[in-house]
Amino acid sequence: MKIVFVVNNKNNRLANVLPGLEQFYRETVIGSVHFTYTERQRHAITLAREATENGCDYLVAVGGDGTLHEVINGVLRSSIPQSNYPVIGLLPYGSANDFARTARLSPNFEELDNLIRSKSIQEIDVGKIELQQTEETKYFINIAGIGLGAEVAQNMAQSSSMIGPGFNYFKHIIKGFLSYSKKEVRCSSSSWEWQGKLLQMAVAKGRYFGNAICVAPDARLSNGEFQLAIFGDVSIWEYLKNLGNLKKGVKIKHPQVSYYTSKEVILDSNEACGIEADGEYVGLLPAGLSILPNVIRFLMVPERIDSFRKEENKSP
């Protein structure tokens, strides 16, 4: 058995974690273990593609949603058939870790080891984004955001704030509200259409984005469809008033908020409207988004949506 770790080494942020991680797996008789480290932005894509093409059984991202996003894109850009993809794992050490919330993953080394030894694997979907302007294809495992989320992602990437991730996200969301000009967006699927001034749209496989905002409480990682949450011409005050409910996974009842499901969506705008994937800015509309069903095998305890709903709706 061969395990390859792809470690986000940005700003040496995991300096206190890596010695323990390396020691744990070098001392654990579990097979061949290799550690690779990112040296620049998007380097994890290259490392993951190389590890996949060179052959490994498990490919584990060590970092946050952005690191996992790059690893997934590296695997899907590899030259080998899907049947030979490695099982993907995650040690969530990022600033938001929103995918890990849906998948119920812990940064604990022993828990990851137990998942490997027990072969606790679930096949999950991946979202595919086809950008028309650049003719590029991107993949996402959690949520793609259109509108405000893309601007927040750009601002976050340029931020070097030392404050906590929760407040940092909140700060950039508020700044985005104050500066963002809502774009007229058209969104269509095979069974419904939406058009209007858009603040934010989430095309979701996972349930959380923006550091623990449960924007898509009904989303499943492996059901072959997207959950869409569309926030149209919504003001900052209306958003703040409903933020507590969003954190709890309560759907918002508002004339400018809509929820849909679909296997694919087409997005277009006559204005420059951005799109982000897993918190990473990827480009501008127009774009088509579709599902790649059960394309990835992931190290996790199988999802149970009913238990999730019960826990999320508990009173504090």
C-alpha atoms as a PDB file:
ATOM      1  CA  MET A   1       0.000   0.000   0.000  1.00  0.00           C
ATOM      2  CA  LYS A   2       1.328   3.424  -0.979  1.00  0.00           C
ATOM      3  CA  ILE A   3       0.160   6.655   0.660  1.00  0.00           C
ATOM      4  CA  VAL A   4       1.119  10.087  -0.695  1.00  0.00           C
ATOM      5  CA  PHE A   5       0.500  13.267   1.315  1.00  0.00           C
ATOM      6  CA  VAL A   6       0.198  16.600  -0.500  1.00  0.00           C
ATOM      7  CA  VAL A   7       0.955  19.232   2.144  1.00  0.00           C
ATOM      8  CA  ASN A   8       0.077  22.917   1.828  1.00  0.00           C
ATOM      9  CA  ASN A   9       3.355  24.511   2.855  1.00  0.00           C
ATOM     10  CA  LYS A  10       2.179  28.127   2.397  1.00  0.00           C
ATOM     11  CA  ASN A  11       4.001  30.480   4.767  1.00  0.00           C
ATOM     12  CA  ASN A  12       5.214  27.470   6.747  1.00  0.00           C
ATOM     13  CA  ARG A  13       1.781  27.480   8.423  1.00  0.00           C
ATOM     14  CA  LEU A  14       1.953  23.791   9.375  1.00  0.00           C
ATOM     15  CA  ALA A  15       5.398  23.944  10.928  1.00  0.00           C
ATOM     16  CA  ASN A  16       4.075  22.763  14.298  1.00  0.00           C
ATOM     17  CA  VAL A  17       2.001  19.965  12.768  1.00  0.00           C
ATOM     18  CA  LEU A  18       4.277  18.331  10.209  1.00  0.00           C
ATOM     19  CA  PRO A  19       6.901  16.786  12.523  1.00  0.00           C
ATOM     20  CA  GLY A  20       4.198  14.894  14.399  1.00  0.00           C
ATOM     21  CA  LEU A  21       2.451  13.858  11.185  1.00  0.00           C
ATOM     22  CA  GLU A  22       5.636  12.578   9.593  1.00  0.00           C
ATOM     23  CA  GLN A  23       6.702  10.725  12.734  1.00  0.00           C
ATOM     24  CA  PHE A  24       3.276   9.126  13.184  1.00  0.00           C
ATOM     25  CA  TYR A  25       3.180   7.684   9.674  1.00  0.00           C
ATOM     26  CA  ARG A  26       6.819   6.733   9.471  1.00  0.00           C
ATOM     27  CA  GLU A  27       6.438   4.755  12.701  1.00  0.00           C
ATOM     28  CA  THR A  28       3.088   3.217  11.730  1.00  0.00           C
ATOM     29  CA  VAL A  29       3.529  -0.002   9.767  1.00  0.00           C
ATOM     30  CA  ILE A  30       0.931   0.765   7.139  1.00  0.00           C
ATOM     31  CA  GLY A  31       2.924   0.625   3.926  1.00  0.00           C
ATOM     32  CA  SER A  32       4.973   3.048   1.846  1.00  0.00           C
ATOM     33  CA  VAL A  33       4.477   6.688   2.889  1.00  0.00           C
ATOM     34  CA  HIS A  34       5.625   9.732   0.895  1.00  0.00           C
ATOM     35  CA  PHE A  35       5.329  13.436   1.729  1.00  0.00           C
ATOM     36  CA  THR A  36       5.230  16.152  -0.926  1.00  0.00           C
ATOM     37  CA  TYR A  37       5.090  19.889  -0.189  1.00  0.00           C
ATOM     38  CA  THR A  38       3.692  22.782  -2.172  1.00  0.00           C
ATOM     39  CA  GLU A  39       6.094  25.563  -3.139  1.00  0.00           C
ATOM     40  CA  ARG A  40       3.708  27.958  -4.899  1.00  0.00           C
ATOM     41  CA  GLN A  41       0.093  28.558  -5.763  1.00  0.00           C
ATOM     42  CA  ARG A  42      -1.551  25.694  -7.685  1.00  0.00           C
ATOM     43  CA  HIS A  43       1.496  23.480  -7.087  1.00  0.00           C
ATOM     44  CA  ALA A  44      -0.774  20.891  -5.409  1.00  0.00           C
ATOM     45  CA  ILE A  45      -2.422  20.315  -8.813  1.00  0.00           C
ATOM     46  CA  THR A  46       0.918  19.229 -10.261  1.00  0.00           C
ATOM     47  CA  LEU A  47       1.861  17.140  -7.214  1.00  0.00           C
ATOM     48  CA  ALA A  48      -1.500  15.344  -7.206  1.00  0.00           C
ATOM     49  CA  ARG A  49      -1.404  14.652 -10.933  1.00  0.00           C
ATOM     50  CA  GLU A  50       2.133  13.244 -10.681  1.00  0.00           C
ATOM     51  CA  ALA A  51       1.241  11.087  -7.683  1.00  0.00           C
ATOM     52  CA  THR A  52      -1.819   9.743  -9.502  1.00  0.00           C
ATOM     53  CA  GLU A  53       0.073   8.953 -12.697  1.00  0.00           C
ATOM     54  CA  ASN A  54       3.007   7.399 -10.803  1.00  0.00           C
ATOM     55  CA  GLY A  55       0.603   5.194  -8.885  1.00  0.00           C
ATOM     56  CA  CYS A  56      -0.582   5.353  -5.288  1.00  0.00           C
ATOM     57  CA  ASP A  57      -3.395   3.831  -3.274  1.00  0.00           C
ATOM     58  CA  TYR A  58      -4.222   6.831  -1.089  1.00  0.00           C
ATOM     59  CA  LEU A  59      -3.679  10.515  -1.841  1.00  0.00           C
ATOM     60  CA  VAL A  60      -4.189  12.735   1.201  1.00  0.00           C
ATOM     61  CA  ALA A  61      -4.477  16.523   1.101  1.00  0.00           C
ATOM     62  CA  VAL A  62      -3.095  18.273   4.186  1.00  0.00           C
ATOM     63  CA  GLY A  63      -4.567  21.770   4.274  1.00  0.00           C
ATOM     64  CA  GLY A  64      -7.941  23.377   3.662  1.00  0.00           C
ATOM     65  CA  ASP A  65     -10.580  23.592   0.979  1.00  0.00           C
ATOM     66  CA  GLY A  66      -8.153  25.200  -1.466  1.00  0.00           C
ATOM     67  CA  THR A  67      -5.597  22.407  -1.092  1.00  0.00           C
ATOM     68  CA  LEU A  68      -8.274  19.744  -1.551  1.00  0.00           C
ATOM     69  CA  HIS A  69      -9.603  21.649  -4.582  1.00  0.00           C
ATOM     70  CA  GLU A  70      -6.165  21.552  -6.207  1.00  0.00           C
ATOM     71  CA  VAL A  71      -5.677  17.861  -5.388  1.00  0.00           C
ATOM     72  CA  ILE A  72      -9.029  16.964  -6.975  1.00  0.00           C
ATOM     73  CA  ASN A  73      -8.162  18.984 -10.072  1.00  0.00           C
ATOM     74  CA  GLY A  74      -4.784  17.273 -10.291  1.00  0.00           C
ATOM     75  CA  VAL A  75      -6.332  13.796 -10.097  1.00  0.00           C
ATOM     76  CA  LEU A  76      -9.007  14.550 -12.696  1.00  0.00           C
ATOM     77  CA  ARG A  77      -6.442  16.083 -15.062  1.00  0.00           C
ATOM     78  CA  SER A  78      -4.263  12.964 -14.911  1.00  0.00           C
ATOM     79  CA  SER A  79      -3.839  10.660 -17.881  1.00  0.00           C
ATOM     80  CA  ILE A  80      -5.040   7.478 -16.165  1.00  0.00           C
ATOM     81  CA  PRO A  81      -8.575   6.019 -16.227  1.00  0.00           C
ATOM     82  CA  GLN A  82     -11.001   6.781 -13.409  1.00  0.00           C
ATOM     83  CA  SER A  83     -10.903   3.158 -12.246  1.00  0.00           C
ATOM     84  CA  ASN A  84      -7.249   3.642 -11.288  1.00  0.00           C
ATOM     85  CA  TYR A  85      -7.662   6.863  -9.322  1.00  0.00           C
ATOM     86  CA  PRO A  86      -6.322   6.730  -5.774  1.00  0.00           C
ATOM     87  CA  VAL A  87      -8.640   7.027  -2.784  1.00  0.00           C
ATOM     88  CA  ILE A  88      -8.631  10.683  -1.674  1.00  0.00           C
ATOM     89  CA  GLY A  89      -8.288  11.755   1.954  1.00  0.00           C
ATOM     90  CA  LEU A  90      -8.111  15.042   3.833  1.00  0.00           C
ATOM     91  CA  LEU A  91      -6.450  16.263   7.015  1.00  0.00           C
ATOM     92  CA  PRO A  92      -8.264  19.610   7.431  1.00  0.00           C
ATOM     93  CA  TYR A  93      -5.735  22.257   8.453  1.00  0.00           C
ATOM     94  CA  GLY A  94      -7.084  25.184   6.454  1.00  0.00           C
ATOM     95  CA  SER A  95      -8.615  28.542   7.256  1.00  0.00           C
ATOM     96  CA  ALA A  96     -12.222  27.426   6.675  1.00  0.00           C
ATOM     97  CA  ASN A  97     -12.418  23.617   6.276  1.00  0.00           C
ATOM     98  CA  ASP A  98     -15.973  23.770   4.936  1.00  0.00           C
ATOM     99  CA  PHE A  99     -15.828  20.472   3.036  1.00  0.00           C
ATOM    100  CA  ALA A 100     -14.574  18.742   6.181  1.00  0.00           C
ATOM    101  CA  ARG A 101     -17.732  19.880   8.001  1.00  0.00           C
ATOM    102  CA  THR A 102     -19.948  18.064   5.519  1.00  0.00           C
ATOM    103  CA  ALA A 103     -17.736  14.966   5.436  1.00  0.00           C
ATOM    104  CA  ARG A 104     -17.301  15.005   9.251  1.00  0.00           C
ATOM    105  CA  LEU A 105     -13.509  14.909   9.022  1.00  0.00           C
ATOM    106  CA  SER A 106     -11.024  15.624  11.793  1.00  0.00           C
ATOM    107  CA  PRO A 107      -7.369  16.748  11.668  1.00  0.00           C
ATOM    108  CA  ASN A 108      -6.566  13.890  14.058  1.00  0.00           C
ATOM    109  CA  PHE A 109      -3.861  11.590  12.604  1.00  0.00           C
ATOM    110  CA  GLU A 110      -5.244   8.497  14.300  1.00  0.00           C
ATOM    111  CA  GLU A 111      -8.723   9.053  12.893  1.00  0.00           C
ATOM    112  CA  LEU A 112      -7.301   9.217   9.372  1.00  0.00           C
ATOM    113  CA  ASP A 113      -5.306   6.062  10.086  1.00  0.00           C
ATOM    114  CA  ASN A 114      -8.471   4.293  11.270  1.00  0.00           C
ATOM    115  CA  LEU A 115     -10.318   5.312   8.092  1.00  0.00           C
ATOM    116  CA  ILE A 116      -7.510   3.809   5.998  1.00  0.00           C
ATOM    117  CA  ARG A 117      -7.260   0.603   8.000  1.00  0.00           C
ATOM    118  CA  SER A 118     -11.022   0.071   8.071  1.00  0.00           C
ATOM    119  CA  LYS A 119     -11.324   0.990   4.379  1.00  0.00           C
ATOM    120  CA  SER A 120     -14.065   3.479   5.207  1.00  0.00           C
ATOM    121  CA  ILE A 121     -14.605   4.793   1.697  1.00  0.00           C
ATOM    122  CA  GLN A 122     -17.524   6.505  -0.011  1.00  0.00           C
ATOM    123  CA  GLU A 123     -17.891   7.259  -3.699  1.00  0.00           C
ATOM    124  CA  ILE A 124     -18.747  10.945  -4.124  1.00  0.00           C
ATOM    125  CA  ASP A 125     -19.608  13.315  -6.956  1.00  0.00           C
ATOM    126  CA  VAL A 126     -17.508  16.133  -8.360  1.00  0.00           C
ATOM    127  CA  GLY A 127     -18.779  19.291 -10.015  1.00  0.00           C
ATOM    128  CA  LYS A 128     -17.426  20.280 -13.430  1.00  0.00           C
ATOM    129  CA  ILE A 129     -17.194  23.889 -14.615  1.00  0.00           C
ATOM    130  CA  GLU A 130     -16.730  24.684 -18.313  1.00  0.00           C
ATOM    131  CA  LEU A 131     -15.752  28.327 -18.831  1.00  0.00           C
ATOM    132  CA  GLN A 132     -16.724  29.588 -22.276  1.00  0.00           C
ATOM    133  CA  GLN A 133     -14.455  32.632 -22.500  1.00  0.00           C
ATOM    134  CA  THR A 134     -11.215  30.762 -21.777  1.00  0.00           C
ATOM    135  CA  GLU A 135     -12.386  27.274 -22.841  1.00  0.00           C
ATOM    136  CA  GLU A 136     -11.021  25.954 -19.541  1.00  0.00           C
ATOM    137  CA  THR A 137     -12.424  23.128 -17.444  1.00  0.00           C
ATOM    138  CA  LYS A 138     -12.308  23.269 -13.647  1.00  0.00           C
ATOM    139  CA  TYR A 139     -13.560  20.838 -11.027  1.00  0.00           C
ATOM    140  CA  PHE A 140     -14.954  21.371  -7.550  1.00  0.00           C
ATOM    141  CA  ILE A 141     -15.801  19.054  -4.684  1.00  0.00           C
ATOM    142  CA  ASN A 142     -17.693  21.383  -2.359  1.00  0.00           C
ATOM    143  CA  ILE A 143     -19.438  24.536  -3.663  1.00  0.00           C
ATOM    144  CA  ALA A 144     -19.137  26.879  -6.636  1.00  0.00           C
ATOM    145  CA  GLY A 145     -20.136  30.473  -5.896  1.00  0.00           C
ATOM    146  CA  ILE A 146     -21.267  33.065  -8.419  1.00  0.00           C
ATOM    147  CA  GLY A 147     -21.335  36.803  -7.740  1.00  0.00           C
ATOM    148  CA  LEU A 148     -20.270  38.118  -4.345  1.00  0.00           C
ATOM    149  CA  GLY A 149     -18.528  34.871  -3.379  1.00  0.00           C
ATOM    150  CA  ALA A 150     -16.110  35.166  -6.280  1.00  0.00           C
ATOM    151  CA  GLU A 151     -15.166  38.702  -5.240  1.00  0.00           C
ATOM    152  CA  VAL A 152     -14.690  37.587  -1.628  1.00  0.00           C
ATOM    153  CA  ALA A 153     -12.468  34.724  -2.838  1.00  0.00           C
ATOM    154  CA  GLN A 154     -10.271  37.165  -4.764  1.00  0.00           C
ATOM    155  CA  ASN A 155      -9.989  39.496  -1.782  1.00  0.00           C
ATOM    156  CA  MET A 156      -9.239  36.630   0.613  1.00  0.00           C
ATOM    157  CA  ALA A 157      -6.439  35.382  -1.642  1.00  0.00           C
ATOM    158  CA  GLN A 158      -4.802  38.810  -1.457  1.00  0.00           C
ATOM    159  CA  SER A 159      -5.289  39.166   2.308  1.00  0.00           C
ATOM    160  CA  SER A 160      -2.451  38.603   4.749  1.00  0.00           C
ATOM    161  CA  SER A 161      -4.579  39.238   7.837  1.00  0.00           C
ATOM    162  CA  MET A 162      -3.408  37.683  11.098  1.00  0.00           C
ATOM    163  CA  ILE A 163      -6.897  37.686  12.606  1.00  0.00           C
ATOM    164  CA  GLY A 164      -8.953  34.504  12.893  1.00  0.00           C
ATOM    165  CA  PRO A 165     -10.460  32.980   9.736  1.00  0.00           C
ATOM    166  CA  GLY A 166     -14.041  33.452  10.908  1.00  0.00           C
ATOM    167  CA  PHE A 167     -13.705  37.200  11.386  1.00  0.00           C
ATOM    168  CA  ASN A 168     -11.580  37.485   8.239  1.00  0.00           C
ATOM    169  CA  TYR A 169     -14.338  35.895   6.119  1.00  0.00           C
ATOM    170  CA  PHE A 170     -16.958  38.055   7.803  1.00  0.00           C
ATOM    171  CA  LYS A 171     -14.882  41.189   7.186  1.00  0.00           C
ATOM    172  CA  HIS A 172     -14.480  40.446   3.475  1.00  0.00           C
ATOM    173  CA  ILE A 173     -18.166  39.552   3.091  1.00  0.00           C
ATOM    174  CA  ILE A 174     -19.162  42.885   4.626  1.00  0.00           C
ATOM    175  CA  LYS A 175     -16.619  44.724   2.465  1.00  0.00           C
ATOM    176  CA  GLY A 176     -18.036  42.890  -0.535  1.00  0.00           C
ATOM    177  CA  PHE A 177     -21.579  43.918   0.353  1.00  0.00           C
ATOM    178  CA  LEU A 178     -20.521  47.543   0.599  1.00  0.00           C
ATOM    179  CA  SER A 179     -18.627  47.575  -2.707  1.00  0.00           C
ATOM    180  CA  TYR A 180     -20.226  44.848  -4.821  1.00  0.00           C
ATOM    181  CA  SER A 181     -22.574  45.822  -7.631  1.00  0.00           C
ATOM    182  CA  LYS A 182     -25.175  43.104  -8.230  1.00  0.00           C
ATOM    183  CA  LYS A 183     -25.065  41.668 -11.731  1.00  0.00           C
ATOM    184  CA  GLU A 184     -27.978  40.635 -13.930  1.00  0.00           C
ATOM    185  CA  VAL A 185     -27.569  36.864 -14.255  1.00  0.00           C
ATOM    186  CA  ARG A 186     -29.468  34.165 -16.142  1.00  0.00           C
ATOM    187  CA  CYS A 187     -29.477  30.622 -14.783  1.00  0.00           C
ATOM    188  CA  SER A 188     -31.235  27.698 -16.444  1.00  0.00           C
ATOM    189  CA  SER A 189     -31.525  23.938 -16.173  1.00  0.00           C
ATOM    190  CA  SER A 190     -33.623  21.357 -18.022  1.00  0.00           C
ATOM    191  CA  SER A 191     -36.629  22.016 -15.769  1.00  0.00           C
ATOM    192  CA  TRP A 192     -36.437  25.619 -14.457  1.00  0.00           C
ATOM    193  CA  GLU A 193     -35.036  29.086 -15.136  1.00  0.00           C
ATOM    194  CA  TRP A 194     -34.074  32.031 -12.965  1.00  0.00           C
ATOM    195  CA  GLN A 195     -33.098  35.559 -13.994  1.00  0.00           C
ATOM    196  CA  GLY A 196     -32.501  38.722 -12.008  1.00  0.00           C
ATOM    197  CA  LYS A 197     -30.102  40.876 -10.061  1.00  0.00           C
ATOM    198  CA  LEU A 198     -27.803  38.474  -8.243  1.00  0.00           C
ATOM    199  CA  LEU A 199     -25.968  38.988  -4.994  1.00  0.00           C
ATOM    200  CA  GLN A 200     -24.779  35.421  -4.538  1.00  0.00           C
ATOM    201  CA  MET A 201     -25.473  31.953  -5.886  1.00  0.00           C
ATOM    202  CA  ALA A 202     -24.191  28.685  -4.434  1.00  0.00           C
ATOM    203  CA  VAL A 203     -24.102  25.595  -6.646  1.00  0.00           C
ATOM    204  CA  ALA A 204     -23.500  22.993  -3.992  1.00  0.00           C
ATOM    205  CA  LYS A 205     -22.376  19.432  -3.461  1.00  0.00           C
ATOM    206  CA  GLY A 206     -21.304  20.158   0.131  1.00  0.00           C
ATOM    207  CA  ARG A 207     -23.399  22.021   2.677  1.00  0.00           C
ATOM    208  CA  TYR A 208     -21.069  24.765   3.914  1.00  0.00           C
ATOM    209  CA  PHE A 209     -19.142  27.688   2.504  1.00  0.00           C
ATOM    210  CA  GLY A 210     -17.753  31.009   3.755  1.00  0.00           C
ATOM    211  CA  ASN A 211     -16.432  29.433   6.976  1.00  0.00           C
ATOM    212  CA  ALA A 212     -19.350  27.408   8.354  1.00  0.00           C
ATOM    213  CA  ILE A 213     -22.323  29.076   6.607  1.00  0.00           C
ATOM    214  CA  CYS A 214     -24.700  26.168   5.907  1.00  0.00           C
ATOM    215  CA  VAL A 215     -26.060  27.540   2.654  1.00  0.00           C
ATOM    216  CA  ALA A 216     -27.262  24.180   1.250  1.00  0.00           C
ATOM    217  CA  PRO A 217     -28.594  22.055   4.143  1.00  0.00           C
ATOM    218  CA  ASP A 218     -30.057  19.391   1.833  1.00  0.00           C
ATOM    219  CA  ALA A 219     -26.882  18.887  -0.233  1.00  0.00           C
ATOM    220  CA  ARG A 220     -25.441  15.402  -0.523  1.00  0.00           C
ATOM    221  CA  LEU A 221     -21.972  14.450  -1.728  1.00  0.00           C
ATOM    222  CA  SER A 222     -23.134  11.381  -3.640  1.00  0.00           C
ATOM    223  CA  ASN A 223     -26.694  11.840  -4.934  1.00  0.00           C
ATOM    224  CA  GLY A 224     -25.883  12.967  -8.479  1.00  0.00           C
ATOM    225  CA  GLU A 225     -27.371  16.468  -8.268  1.00  0.00           C
ATOM    226  CA  PHE A 226     -26.604  20.016  -7.181  1.00  0.00           C
ATOM    227  CA  GLN A 227     -28.447  21.975  -4.546  1.00  0.00           C
ATOM    228  CA  LEU A 228     -28.678  25.646  -5.570  1.00  0.00           C
ATOM    229  CA  ALA A 229     -29.237  28.556  -3.209  1.00  0.00           C
ATOM    230  CA  ILE A 230     -29.866  31.846  -5.039  1.00  0.00           C
ATOM    231  CA  PHE A 231     -29.762  35.175  -3.198  1.00  0.00           C
ATOM    232  CA  GLY A 232     -31.055  37.787  -5.610  1.00  0.00           C
ATOM    233  CA  ASP A 233     -31.539  41.469  -4.858  1.00  0.00           C
ATOM    234  CA  VAL A 234     -30.840  41.102  -1.122  1.00  0.00           C
ATOM    235  CA  SER A 235     -29.478  43.945   1.019  1.00  0.00           C
ATOM    236  CA  ILE A 236     -26.679  43.751   3.565  1.00  0.00           C
ATOM    237  CA  TRP A 237     -29.177  44.284   6.379  1.00  0.00           C
ATOM    238  CA  GLU A 238     -31.383  41.420   5.209  1.00  0.00           C
ATOM    239  CA  TYR A 239     -28.336  39.185   4.948  1.00  0.00           C
ATOM    240  CA  LEU A 240     -27.109  40.048   8.445  1.00  0.00           C
ATOM    241  CA  LYS A 241     -30.601  39.528   9.859  1.00  0.00           C
ATOM    242  CA  ASN A 242     -30.631  35.992   8.457  1.00  0.00           C
ATOM    243  CA  LEU A 243     -26.987  35.089   9.093  1.00  0.00           C
ATOM    244  CA  GLY A 244     -27.816  33.219  12.302  1.00  0.00           C
ATOM    245  CA  ASN A 245     -30.314  31.003  10.497  1.00  0.00           C
ATOM    246  CA  LEU A 246     -27.860  30.388   7.672  1.00  0.00           C
ATOM    247  CA  LYS A 247     -25.254  29.242  10.193  1.00  0.00           C
ATOM    248  CA  LYS A 248     -27.806  26.773  11.584  1.00  0.00           C
ATOM    249  CA  GLY A 249     -28.745  25.417   8.175  1.00  0.00           C
ATOM    250  CA  VAL A 250     -32.224  26.957   8.152  1.00  0.00           C
ATOM    251  CA  LYS A 251     -33.515  27.856   4.690  1.00  0.00           C
ATOM    252  CA  ILE A 252     -34.356  31.544   4.296  1.00  0.00           C
ATOM    253  CA  LYS A 253     -37.930  32.518   3.481  1.00  0.00           C
ATOM    254  CA  HIS A 254     -37.603  35.680   1.415  1.00  0.00           C
ATOM    255  CA  PRO A 255     -38.988  36.732  -1.993  1.00  0.00           C
ATOM    256  CA  GLN A 256     -35.449  37.236  -3.293  1.00  0.00           C
ATOM    257  CA  VAL A 257     -34.106  33.872  -2.046  1.00  0.00           C
ATOM    258  CA  SER A 258     -34.715  30.695  -4.066  1.00  0.00           C
ATOM    259  CA  TYR A 259     -33.681  27.042  -3.751  1.00  0.00           C
ATOM    260  CA  TYR A 260     -33.474  24.567  -6.615  1.00  0.00           C
ATOM    261  CA  THR A 261     -32.014  21.175  -7.517  1.00  0.00           C
ATOM    262  CA  SER A 262     -30.459  20.208 -10.833  1.00  0.00           C
ATOM    263  CA  LYS A 263     -27.934  17.898 -12.471  1.00  0.00           C
ATOM    264  CA  GLU A 264     -26.624  20.761 -14.628  1.00  0.00           C
ATOM    265  CA  VAL A 265     -26.974  24.522 -14.952  1.00  0.00           C
ATOM    266  CA  ILE A 266     -26.078  27.101 -17.587  1.00  0.00           C
ATOM    267  CA  LEU A 267     -25.049  30.538 -16.301  1.00  0.00           C
ATOM    268  CA  ASP A 268     -24.744  33.721 -18.320  1.00  0.00           C
ATOM    269  CA  SER A 269     -24.509  37.477 -17.811  1.00  0.00           C
ATOM    270  CA  ASN A 270     -23.943  40.525 -19.977  1.00  0.00           C
ATOM    271  CA  GLU A 271     -21.829  41.963 -17.176  1.00  0.00           C
ATOM    272  CA  ALA A 272     -18.494  40.789 -15.757  1.00  0.00           C
ATOM    273  CA  CYS A 273     -19.676  38.276 -13.154  1.00  0.00           C
ATOM    274  CA  GLY A 274     -17.129  36.031 -11.463  1.00  0.00           C
ATOM    275  CA  ILE A 275     -17.269  32.412 -10.344  1.00  0.00           C
ATOM    276  CA  GLU A 276     -15.290  30.662  -7.624  1.00  0.00           C
ATOM    277  CA  ALA A 277     -14.903  26.970  -6.838  1.00  0.00           C
ATOM    278  CA  ASP A 278     -14.157  25.679  -3.324  1.00  0.00           C
ATOM    279  CA  GLY A 279     -13.149  29.212  -2.361  1.00  0.00           C
ATOM    280  CA  GLU A 280     -10.765  29.628  -5.322  1.00  0.00           C
ATOM    281  CA  TYR A 281     -11.501  32.216  -8.022  1.00  0.00           C
ATOM    282  CA  VAL A 282     -11.682  30.488 -11.431  1.00  0.00           C
ATOM    283  CA  GLY A 283     -13.028  32.986 -13.979  1.00  0.00           C
ATOM    284  CA  LEU A 284     -16.040  34.777 -15.464  1.00  0.00           C
ATOM    285  CA  LEU A 285     -19.426  33.764 -16.799  1.00  0.00           C
ATOM    286  CA  PRO A 286     -20.735  32.368 -19.108  1.00  0.00           C
ATOM    287  CA  ALA A 287     -20.199  28.849 -17.800  1.00  0.00           C
ATOM    288  CA  GLY A 288     -21.838  25.449 -17.727  1.00  0.00           C
ATOM    289  CA  LEU A 289     -21.819  23.360 -14.547  1.00  0.00           C
ATOM    290  CA  SER A 290     -22.510  19.639 -14.485  1.00  0.00           C
ATOM    291  CA  ILE A 291     -22.100  16.572 -12.246  1.00  0.00           C
ATOM    292  CA  LEU A 292     -19.509  13.816 -12.545  1.00  0.00           C
ATOM    293  CA  PRO A 293     -21.294  11.161 -10.466  1.00  0.00           C
ATOM    294  CA  ASN A 294     -19.321   8.948  -8.066  1.00  0.00           C
ATOM    295  CA  VAL A 295     -16.031   9.830  -9.747  1.00  0.00           C
ATOM    296  CA  ILE A 296     -13.973  10.020  -6.546  1.00  0.00           C
ATOM    297  CA  ARG A 297     -13.538   7.480  -3.744  1.00  0.00           C
ATOM    298  CA  PHE A 298     -13.131   9.416  -0.507  1.00  0.00           C
ATOM    299  CA  LEU A 299     -11.919   8.438   2.968  1.00  0.00           C
ATOM    300  CA  MET A 300     -14.896   9.203   5.198  1.00  0.00           C
ATOM    301  CA  VAL A 301     -17.708   7.667   7.192  1.00  0.00           C
ATOM    302  CA  PRO A 302     -20.711   7.340   4.837  1.00  0.00           C
ATOM    303  CA  GLU A 303     -23.092  10.304   4.889  1.00  0.00           C
ATOM    304  CA  ARG A 304     -26.300  10.179   6.853  1.00  0.00           C
ATOM    305  CA  ILE A 305     -28.401  13.223   5.981  1.00  0.00           C
ATOM    306  CA  ASP A 306     -31.121  12.504   8.587  1.00  0.00           C
ATOM    307  CA  SER A 307     -28.680  12.552  11.497  1.00  0.00           C
ATOM    308  CA  PHE A 308     -27.125  15.727  10.084  1.00  0.00           C
ATOM    309  CA  ARG A 309     -30.481  17.513  10.057  1.00  0.00           C
ATOM    310  CA  LYS A 310     -31.229  16.483  13.631  1.00  0.00           C
ATOM    311  CA  GLU A 311     -27.868  17.760  14.884  1.00  0.00           C
ATOM    312  CA  GLU A 312     -28.012  21.018  12.931  1.00  0.00           C
ATOM    313  CA  ASN A 313     -31.505  21.868  14.175  1.00  0.00           C
ATOM    314  CA  LYS A 314     -30.796  21.274  17.850  1.00  0.00           C
ATOM    315  CA  SER A 315     -31.358  24.279  20.053  1.00  0.00           C
ATOM    316  CA  PRO A 316     -28.196  25.756  21.561  1.00  0.00           C
END
